[in-house]
Amino acid sequence: MKNKKLIEKLISKELDITIGSGKDFTNTFISIIKENSFSKNIKLSGFGTFYRHKTPKRIGRNPKTKESYIIQPRIKINFKPSKKIKEVLN
């Protein structure tokens, strides 16, 4: 999948709904994942788990000027694929 628009088109085609409804479906799914993954893990059986991960404070470097600076800790959403997805990919 190259981008969100392609996913929206494929969903609308697969479910036989309008592209606007496919877009609404995709945006709703993504917003649910974003909102709920900060309070708990979201496990989709047979697909994988979305979970939060806190990155530590670290030193970054501007490649052009070689100037160092501190990157503050952040909370990110990560995805761990299920065994079934890993088998399909490998």
PDB file of N, CA and C in Angstrom:
ATOM      1  N   MET A   1       0.845  -1.172   0.000  1.00  0.00           N
ATOM      2  CA  MET A   1       0.000   0.000   0.000  1.00  0.00           C
ATOM      3  C   MET A   1       0.896   1.243   0.000  1.00  0.00           C
ATOM      4  N   LYS A   2       0.647   2.100  -0.928  1.00  0.00           N
ATOM      5  CA  LYS A   2       1.475   3.290  -1.019  1.00  0.00           C
ATOM      6  C   LYS A   2       0.968   4.421  -0.134  1.00  0.00           C
ATOM      7  N   ASN A   3      -0.344   4.569  -0.027  1.00  0.00           N
ATOM      8  CA  ASN A   3      -0.848   5.669   0.780  1.00  0.00           C
ATOM      9  C   ASN A   3      -2.278   5.394   1.253  1.00  0.00           C
ATOM     10  N   LYS A   4      -2.776   6.302   2.055  1.00  0.00           N
ATOM     11  CA  LYS A   4      -4.094   6.144   2.655  1.00  0.00           C
ATOM     12  C   LYS A   4      -5.208   6.167   1.603  1.00  0.00           C
ATOM     13  N   LYS A   5      -5.051   6.969   0.563  1.00  0.00           N
ATOM     14  CA  LYS A   5      -6.090   7.040  -0.477  1.00  0.00           C
ATOM     15  C   LYS A   5      -6.291   5.693  -1.161  1.00  0.00           C
ATOM     16  N   LEU A   6      -5.200   4.994  -1.418  1.00  0.00           N
ATOM     17  CA  LEU A   6      -5.294   3.683  -2.041  1.00  0.00           C
ATOM     18  C   LEU A   6      -6.021   2.698  -1.119  1.00  0.00           C
ATOM     19  N   ILE A   7      -5.713   2.754   0.170  1.00  0.00           N
ATOM     20  CA  ILE A   7      -6.401   1.899   1.138  1.00  0.00           C
ATOM     21  C   ILE A   7      -7.896   2.211   1.143  1.00  0.00           C
ATOM     22  N   GLU A   8      -8.243   3.504   1.129  1.00  0.00           N
ATOM     23  CA  GLU A   8      -9.655   3.908   1.107  1.00  0.00           C
ATOM     24  C   GLU A   8     -10.369   3.355  -0.125  1.00  0.00           C
ATOM     25  N   LYS A   9      -9.726   3.432  -1.286  1.00  0.00           N
ATOM     26  CA  LYS A   9     -10.324   2.922  -2.521  1.00  0.00           C
ATOM     27  C   LYS A   9     -10.515   1.416  -2.468  1.00  0.00           C
ATOM     28  N   LEU A  10      -9.516   0.710  -1.950  1.00  0.00           N
ATOM     29  CA  LEU A  10      -9.621  -0.750  -1.868  1.00  0.00           C
ATOM     30  C   LEU A  10     -10.717  -1.180  -0.892  1.00  0.00           C
ATOM     31  N   ILE A  11     -10.838  -0.475   0.231  1.00  0.00           N
ATOM     32  CA  ILE A  11     -11.898  -0.791   1.190  1.00  0.00           C
ATOM     33  C   ILE A  11     -13.262  -0.550   0.565  1.00  0.00           C
ATOM     34  N   SER A  12     -13.425   0.588  -0.109  1.00  0.00           N
ATOM     35  CA  SER A  12     -14.722   0.886  -0.719  1.00  0.00           C
ATOM     36  C   SER A  12     -15.066  -0.122  -1.824  1.00  0.00           C
ATOM     37  N   LYS A  13     -14.065  -0.556  -2.565  1.00  0.00           N
ATOM     38  CA  LYS A  13     -14.294  -1.540  -3.623  1.00  0.00           C
ATOM     39  C   LYS A  13     -14.637  -2.908  -3.028  1.00  0.00           C
ATOM     40  N   GLU A  14     -13.890  -3.311  -1.999  1.00  0.00           N
ATOM     41  CA  GLU A  14     -14.100  -4.624  -1.380  1.00  0.00           C
ATOM     42  C   GLU A  14     -15.446  -4.726  -0.680  1.00  0.00           C
ATOM     43  N   LEU A  15     -15.863  -3.642  -0.004  1.00  0.00           N
ATOM     44  CA  LEU A  15     -17.133  -3.648   0.726  1.00  0.00           C
ATOM     45  C   LEU A  15     -18.304  -3.163  -0.117  1.00  0.00           C
ATOM     46  N   ASP A  16     -18.021  -2.756  -1.345  1.00  0.00           N
ATOM     47  CA  ASP A  16     -19.044  -2.245  -2.257  1.00  0.00           C
ATOM     48  C   ASP A  16     -19.793  -1.056  -1.655  1.00  0.00           C
ATOM     49  N   ILE A  17     -18.990  -0.078  -1.209  1.00  0.00           N
ATOM     50  CA  ILE A  17     -19.525   1.172  -0.666  1.00  0.00           C
ATOM     51  C   ILE A  17     -18.886   2.330  -1.419  1.00  0.00           C
ATOM     52  N   THR A  18     -19.362   3.548  -1.163  1.00  0.00           N
ATOM     53  CA  THR A  18     -18.800   4.711  -1.847  1.00  0.00           C
ATOM     54  C   THR A  18     -17.398   4.997  -1.332  1.00  0.00           C
ATOM     55  N   ILE A  19     -16.632   5.737  -2.117  1.00  0.00           N
ATOM     56  CA  ILE A  19     -15.274   6.096  -1.716  1.00  0.00           C
ATOM     57  C   ILE A  19     -15.312   6.973  -0.462  1.00  0.00           C
ATOM     58  N   GLY A  20     -16.321   7.830  -0.346  1.00  0.00           N
ATOM     59  CA  GLY A  20     -16.469   8.660   0.849  1.00  0.00           C
ATOM     60  C   GLY A  20     -16.692   7.824   2.097  1.00  0.00           C
ATOM     61  N   SER A  21     -17.496   6.774   1.969  1.00  0.00           N
ATOM     62  CA  SER A  21     -17.714   5.874   3.110  1.00  0.00           C
ATOM     63  C   SER A  21     -16.443   5.101   3.445  1.00  0.00           C
ATOM     64  N   GLY A  22     -15.694   4.716   2.423  1.00  0.00           N
ATOM     65  CA  GLY A  22     -14.410   4.045   2.643  1.00  0.00           C
ATOM     66  C   GLY A  22     -13.431   4.953   3.358  1.00  0.00           C
ATOM     67  N   LYS A  23     -13.467   6.237   2.988  1.00  0.00           N
ATOM     68  CA  LYS A  23     -12.605   7.219   3.647  1.00  0.00           C
ATOM     69  C   LYS A  23     -13.006   7.380   5.111  1.00  0.00           C
ATOM     70  N   ASP A  24     -14.317   7.475   5.369  1.00  0.00           N
ATOM     71  CA  ASP A  24     -14.808   7.592   6.748  1.00  0.00           C
ATOM     72  C   ASP A  24     -14.408   6.371   7.576  1.00  0.00           C
ATOM     73  N   PHE A  25     -14.535   5.178   6.979  1.00  0.00           N
ATOM     74  CA  PHE A  25     -14.168   3.946   7.662  1.00  0.00           C
ATOM     75  C   PHE A  25     -12.687   3.963   8.042  1.00  0.00           C
ATOM     76  N   THR A  26     -11.832   4.310   7.087  1.00  0.00           N
ATOM     77  CA  THR A  26     -10.386   4.338   7.324  1.00  0.00           C
ATOM     78  C   THR A  26     -10.021   5.366   8.387  1.00  0.00           C
ATOM     79  N   ASN A  27     -10.565   6.578   8.285  1.00  0.00           N
ATOM     80  CA  ASN A  27     -10.256   7.624   9.261  1.00  0.00           C
ATOM     81  C   ASN A  27     -10.740   7.258  10.650  1.00  0.00           C
ATOM     82  N   THR A  28     -11.909   6.635  10.751  1.00  0.00           N
ATOM     83  CA  THR A  28     -12.435   6.212  12.050  1.00  0.00           C
ATOM     84  C   THR A  28     -11.553   5.140  12.660  1.00  0.00           C
ATOM     85  N   PHE A  29     -11.139   4.177  11.851  1.00  0.00           N
ATOM     86  CA  PHE A  29     -10.266   3.106  12.341  1.00  0.00           C
ATOM     87  C   PHE A  29      -8.952   3.681  12.873  1.00  0.00           C
ATOM     88  N   ILE A  30      -8.336   4.571  12.121  1.00  0.00           N
ATOM     89  CA  ILE A  30      -7.063   5.163  12.527  1.00  0.00           C
ATOM     90  C   ILE A  30      -7.231   5.993  13.799  1.00  0.00           C
ATOM     91  N   SER A  31      -8.311   6.763  13.901  1.00  0.00           N
ATOM     92  CA  SER A  31      -8.511   7.584  15.102  1.00  0.00           C
ATOM     93  C   SER A  31      -8.768   6.713  16.334  1.00  0.00           C
ATOM     94  N   ILE A  32      -9.464   5.597  16.182  1.00  0.00           N
ATOM     95  CA  ILE A  32      -9.679   4.680  17.306  1.00  0.00           C
ATOM     96  C   ILE A  32      -8.352   4.110  17.786  1.00  0.00           C
ATOM     97  N   ILE A  33      -7.502   3.717  16.850  1.00  0.00           N
ATOM     98  CA  ILE A  33      -6.185   3.186  17.215  1.00  0.00           C
ATOM     99  C   ILE A  33      -5.374   4.255  17.946  1.00  0.00           C
ATOM    100  N   LYS A  34      -5.352   5.484  17.421  1.00  0.00           N
ATOM    101  CA  LYS A  34      -4.591   6.565  18.045  1.00  0.00           C
ATOM    102  C   LYS A  34      -5.082   6.868  19.452  1.00  0.00           C
ATOM    103  N   GLU A  35      -6.388   7.014  19.619  1.00  0.00           N
ATOM    104  CA  GLU A  35      -6.954   7.407  20.903  1.00  0.00           C
ATOM    105  C   GLU A  35      -6.777   6.334  21.972  1.00  0.00           C
ATOM    106  N   ASN A  36      -6.997   5.085  21.617  1.00  0.00           N
ATOM    107  CA  ASN A  36      -6.997   4.023  22.616  1.00  0.00           C
ATOM    108  C   ASN A  36      -5.632   3.414  22.893  1.00  0.00           C
ATOM    109  N   SER A  37      -4.679   3.565  21.997  1.00  0.00           N
ATOM    110  CA  SER A  37      -3.387   2.920  22.205  1.00  0.00           C
ATOM    111  C   SER A  37      -2.560   3.615  23.279  1.00  0.00           C
ATOM    112  N   PHE A  38      -2.900   4.836  23.656  1.00  0.00           N
ATOM    113  CA  PHE A  38      -2.154   5.503  24.714  1.00  0.00           C
ATOM    114  C   PHE A  38      -2.587   5.048  26.100  1.00  0.00           C
ATOM    115  N   SER A  39      -3.776   4.467  26.221  1.00  0.00           N
ATOM    116  CA  SER A  39      -4.222   3.998  27.521  1.00  0.00           C
ATOM    117  C   SER A  39      -4.056   2.488  27.675  1.00  0.00           C
ATOM    118  N   LYS A  40      -4.043   1.752  26.564  1.00  0.00           N
ATOM    119  CA  LYS A  40      -3.909   0.294  26.636  1.00  0.00           C
ATOM    120  C   LYS A  40      -3.447  -0.240  25.289  1.00  0.00           C
ATOM    121  N   ASN A  41      -3.023  -1.508  25.293  1.00  0.00           N
ATOM    122  CA  ASN A  41      -2.641  -2.162  24.048  1.00  0.00           C
ATOM    123  C   ASN A  41      -3.897  -2.536  23.270  1.00  0.00           C
ATOM    124  N   ILE A  42      -3.810  -2.461  21.958  1.00  0.00           N
ATOM    125  CA  ILE A  42      -4.929  -2.847  21.101  1.00  0.00           C
ATOM    126  C   ILE A  42      -4.496  -4.065  20.301  1.00  0.00           C
ATOM    127  N   LYS A  43      -5.123  -5.195  20.591  1.00  0.00           N
ATOM    128  CA  LYS A  43      -4.766  -6.451  19.936  1.00  0.00           C
ATOM    129  C   LYS A  43      -5.848  -6.836  18.943  1.00  0.00           C
ATOM    130  N   LEU A  44      -5.446  -7.025  17.695  1.00  0.00           N
ATOM    131  CA  LEU A  44      -6.341  -7.499  16.643  1.00  0.00           C
ATOM    132  C   LEU A  44      -5.918  -8.923  16.310  1.00  0.00           C
ATOM    133  N   SER A  45      -6.718  -9.893  16.721  1.00  0.00           N
ATOM    134  CA  SER A  45      -6.367 -11.307  16.536  1.00  0.00           C
ATOM    135  C   SER A  45      -6.078 -11.607  15.074  1.00  0.00           C
ATOM    136  N   GLY A  46      -4.984 -12.308  14.856  1.00  0.00           N
ATOM    137  CA  GLY A  46      -4.600 -12.686  13.502  1.00  0.00           C
ATOM    138  C   GLY A  46      -3.935 -11.569  12.719  1.00  0.00           C
ATOM    139  N   PHE A  47      -3.791 -10.399  13.323  1.00  0.00           N
ATOM    140  CA  PHE A  47      -3.172  -9.267  12.628  1.00  0.00           C
ATOM    141  C   PHE A  47      -1.973  -8.735  13.396  1.00  0.00           C
ATOM    142  N   GLY A  48      -2.185  -8.333  14.664  1.00  0.00           N
ATOM    143  CA  GLY A  48      -1.087  -7.824  15.458  1.00  0.00           C
ATOM    144  C   GLY A  48      -1.562  -6.949  16.595  1.00  0.00           C
ATOM    145  N   THR A  49      -0.598  -6.296  17.253  1.00  0.00           N
ATOM    146  CA  THR A  49      -0.883  -5.476  18.422  1.00  0.00           C
ATOM    147  C   THR A  49      -0.287  -4.083  18.246  1.00  0.00           C
ATOM    148  N   PHE A  50      -1.092  -3.064  18.525  1.00  0.00           N
ATOM    149  CA  PHE A  50      -0.618  -1.686  18.594  1.00  0.00           C
ATOM    150  C   PHE A  50      -0.355  -1.387  20.065  1.00  0.00           C
ATOM    151  N   TYR A  51       0.815  -0.845  20.369  1.00  0.00           N
ATOM    152  CA  TYR A  51       1.145  -0.546  21.762  1.00  0.00           C
ATOM    153  C   TYR A  51       1.971   0.731  21.842  1.00  0.00           C
ATOM    154  N   ARG A  52       1.975   1.321  23.028  1.00  0.00           N
ATOM    155  CA  ARG A  52       2.745   2.557  23.210  1.00  0.00           C
ATOM    156  C   ARG A  52       4.155   2.202  23.658  1.00  0.00           C
ATOM    157  N   HIS A  53       5.092   3.055  23.259  1.00  0.00           N
ATOM    158  CA  HIS A  53       6.499   2.843  23.584  1.00  0.00           C
ATOM    159  C   HIS A  53       7.119   4.194  23.886  1.00  0.00           C
ATOM    160  N   LYS A  54       7.772   4.303  25.046  1.00  0.00           N
ATOM    161  CA  LYS A  54       8.416   5.563  25.417  1.00  0.00           C
ATOM    162  C   LYS A  54       9.886   5.494  25.028  1.00  0.00           C
ATOM    163  N   THR A  55      10.320   6.457  24.202  1.00  0.00           N
ATOM    164  CA  THR A  55      11.723   6.522  23.810  1.00  0.00           C
ATOM    165  C   THR A  55      12.475   7.370  24.832  1.00  0.00           C
ATOM    166  N   PRO A  56      13.699   7.005  25.148  1.00  0.00           N
ATOM    167  CA  PRO A  56      14.455   7.778  26.141  1.00  0.00           C
ATOM    168  C   PRO A  56      15.011   9.074  25.552  1.00  0.00           C
ATOM    169  N   LYS A  57      15.441   9.956  26.452  1.00  0.00           N
ATOM    170  CA  LYS A  57      16.122  11.183  26.020  1.00  0.00           C
ATOM    171  C   LYS A  57      17.449  10.756  25.397  1.00  0.00           C
ATOM    172  N   ARG A  58      17.806  11.394  24.273  1.00  0.00           N
ATOM    173  CA  ARG A  58      19.044  11.030  23.591  1.00  0.00           C
ATOM    174  C   ARG A  58      19.666  12.233  22.910  1.00  0.00           C
ATOM    175  N   ILE A  59      20.861  12.040  22.448  1.00  0.00           N
ATOM    176  CA  ILE A  59      21.574  13.111  21.750  1.00  0.00           C
ATOM    177  C   ILE A  59      21.360  12.939  20.249  1.00  0.00           C
ATOM    178  N   GLY A  60      20.931  14.013  19.593  1.00  0.00           N
ATOM    179  CA  GLY A  60      20.779  14.037  18.149  1.00  0.00           C
ATOM    180  C   GLY A  60      21.857  14.896  17.534  1.00  0.00           C
ATOM    181  N   ARG A  61      22.037  14.769  16.233  1.00  0.00           N
ATOM    182  CA  ARG A  61      23.077  15.549  15.564  1.00  0.00           C
ATOM    183  C   ARG A  61      22.562  15.992  14.205  1.00  0.00           C
ATOM    184  N   ASN A  62      22.721  17.290  13.908  1.00  0.00           N
ATOM    185  CA  ASN A  62      22.373  17.826  12.600  1.00  0.00           C
ATOM    186  C   ASN A  62      23.459  17.386  11.618  1.00  0.00           C
ATOM    187  N   PRO A  63      23.107  16.614  10.572  1.00  0.00           N
ATOM    188  CA  PRO A  63      24.139  16.111   9.666  1.00  0.00           C
ATOM    189  C   PRO A  63      24.854  17.198   8.861  1.00  0.00           C
ATOM    190  N   LYS A  64      24.189  18.322   8.630  1.00  0.00           N
ATOM    191  CA  LYS A  64      24.835  19.396   7.860  1.00  0.00           C
ATOM    192  C   LYS A  64      25.855  20.147   8.704  1.00  0.00           C
ATOM    193  N   THR A  65      25.431  20.588   9.903  1.00  0.00           N
ATOM    194  CA  THR A  65      26.296  21.438  10.727  1.00  0.00           C
ATOM    195  C   THR A  65      27.071  20.652  11.776  1.00  0.00           C
ATOM    196  N   LYS A  66      26.747  19.374  11.955  1.00  0.00           N
ATOM    197  CA  LYS A  66      27.363  18.509  12.973  1.00  0.00           C
ATOM    198  C   LYS A  66      27.078  19.000  14.390  1.00  0.00           C
ATOM    199  N   GLU A  67      26.095  19.886  14.534  1.00  0.00           N
ATOM    200  CA  GLU A  67      25.733  20.430  15.843  1.00  0.00           C
ATOM    201  C   GLU A  67      24.900  19.405  16.619  1.00  0.00           C
ATOM    202  N   SER A  68      25.259  19.175  17.888  1.00  0.00           N
ATOM    203  CA  SER A  68      24.537  18.237  18.736  1.00  0.00           C
ATOM    204  C   SER A  68      23.420  18.950  19.485  1.00  0.00           C
ATOM    205  N   TYR A  69      22.355  18.220  19.765  1.00  0.00           N
ATOM    206  CA  TYR A  69      21.243  18.740  20.553  1.00  0.00           C
ATOM    207  C   TYR A  69      20.555  17.563  21.236  1.00  0.00           C
ATOM    208  N   ILE A  70      19.752  17.862  22.238  1.00  0.00           N
ATOM    209  CA  ILE A  70      19.076  16.811  22.993  1.00  0.00           C
ATOM    210  C   ILE A  70      17.674  16.614  22.444  1.00  0.00           C
ATOM    211  N   ILE A  71      17.334  15.357  22.158  1.00  0.00           N
ATOM    212  CA  ILE A  71      15.994  14.990  21.728  1.00  0.00           C
ATOM    213  C   ILE A  71      15.262  14.516  22.976  1.00  0.00           C
ATOM    214  N   GLN A  72      14.161  15.173  23.300  1.00  0.00           N
ATOM    215  CA  GLN A  72      13.399  14.865  24.507  1.00  0.00           C
ATOM    216  C   GLN A  72      12.711  13.503  24.387  1.00  0.00           C
ATOM    217  N   PRO A  73      12.421  12.865  25.523  1.00  0.00           N
ATOM    218  CA  PRO A  73      11.703  11.575  25.459  1.00  0.00           C
ATOM    219  C   PRO A  73      10.323  11.753  24.840  1.00  0.00           C
ATOM    220  N   ARG A  74       9.862  10.733  24.134  1.00  0.00           N
ATOM    221  CA  ARG A  74       8.564  10.783  23.445  1.00  0.00           C
ATOM    222  C   ARG A  74       7.827   9.471  23.649  1.00  0.00           C
ATOM    223  N   ILE A  75       6.524   9.541  23.465  1.00  0.00           N
ATOM    224  CA  ILE A  75       5.715   8.340  23.467  1.00  0.00           C
ATOM    225  C   ILE A  75       5.263   8.104  22.029  1.00  0.00           C
ATOM    226  N   LYS A  76       5.516   6.889  21.538  1.00  0.00           N
ATOM    227  CA  LYS A  76       5.189   6.544  20.161  1.00  0.00           C
ATOM    228  C   LYS A  76       4.257   5.344  20.149  1.00  0.00           C
ATOM    229  N   ILE A  77       3.558   5.172  19.041  1.00  0.00           N
ATOM    230  CA  ILE A  77       2.736   3.987  18.842  1.00  0.00           C
ATOM    231  C   ILE A  77       3.527   3.035  17.966  1.00  0.00           C
ATOM    232  N   ASN A  78       3.716   1.810  18.450  1.00  0.00           N
ATOM    233  CA  ASN A  78       4.406   0.787  17.682  1.00  0.00           C
ATOM    234  C   ASN A  78       3.440  -0.325  17.325  1.00  0.00           C
ATOM    235  N   PHE A  79       3.830  -1.145  16.373  1.00  0.00           N
ATOM    236  CA  PHE A  79       3.009  -2.257  15.925  1.00  0.00           C
ATOM    237  C   PHE A  79       3.847  -3.522  15.922  1.00  0.00           C
ATOM    238  N   LYS A  80       3.318  -4.572  16.533  1.00  0.00           N
ATOM    239  CA  LYS A  80       3.977  -5.874  16.507  1.00  0.00           C
ATOM    240  C   LYS A  80       3.061  -6.835  15.753  1.00  0.00           C
ATOM    241  N   PRO A  81       3.502  -7.334  14.599  1.00  0.00           N
ATOM    242  CA  PRO A  81       2.638  -8.222  13.802  1.00  0.00           C
ATOM    243  C   PRO A  81       2.469  -9.578  14.479  1.00  0.00           C
ATOM    244  N   SER A  82       1.343 -10.223  14.177  1.00  0.00           N
ATOM    245  CA  SER A  82       1.080 -11.550  14.726  1.00  0.00           C
ATOM    246  C   SER A  82       1.914 -12.594  13.978  1.00  0.00           C
ATOM    247  N   LYS A  83       1.927 -13.813  14.509  1.00  0.00           N
ATOM    248  CA  LYS A  83       2.665 -14.890  13.850  1.00  0.00           C
ATOM    249  C   LYS A  83       2.112 -15.173  12.461  1.00  0.00           C
ATOM    250  N   LYS A  84       0.786 -15.053  12.302  1.00  0.00           N
ATOM    251  CA  LYS A  84       0.174 -15.309  10.990  1.00  0.00           C
ATOM    252  C   LYS A  84       0.651 -14.303   9.951  1.00  0.00           C
ATOM    253  N   ILE A  85       0.734 -13.029  10.337  1.00  0.00           N
ATOM    254  CA  ILE A  85       1.222 -11.988   9.405  1.00  0.00           C
ATOM    255  C   ILE A  85       2.697 -12.221   9.080  1.00  0.00           C
ATOM    256  N   LYS A  86       3.490 -12.588  10.096  1.00  0.00           N
ATOM    257  CA  LYS A  86       4.911 -12.858   9.857  1.00  0.00           C
ATOM    258  C   LYS A  86       5.085 -14.018   8.883  1.00  0.00           C
ATOM    259  N   GLU A  87       4.251 -15.049   9.022  1.00  0.00           N
ATOM    260  CA  GLU A  87       4.330 -16.192   8.113  1.00  0.00           C
ATOM    261  C   GLU A  87       4.003 -15.804   6.681  1.00  0.00           C
ATOM    262  N   VAL A  88       3.009 -14.929   6.520  1.00  0.00           N
ATOM    263  CA  VAL A  88       2.632 -14.467   5.179  1.00  0.00           C
ATOM    264  C   VAL A  88       3.761 -13.653   4.559  1.00  0.00           C
ATOM    265  N   LEU A  89       4.419 -12.826   5.365  1.00  0.00           N
ATOM    266  CA  LEU A  89       5.493 -11.986   4.853  1.00  0.00           C
ATOM    267  C   LEU A  89       6.757 -12.764   4.539  1.00  0.00           C
ATOM    268  N   ASN A  90       7.012 -13.826   5.296  1.00  0.00           N
ATOM    269  CA  ASN A  90       8.244 -14.610   5.096  1.00  0.00           C
ATOM    270  C   ASN A  90       7.889 -15.848   4.387  1.00  0.00           C
TER     271      ASN A  90
END
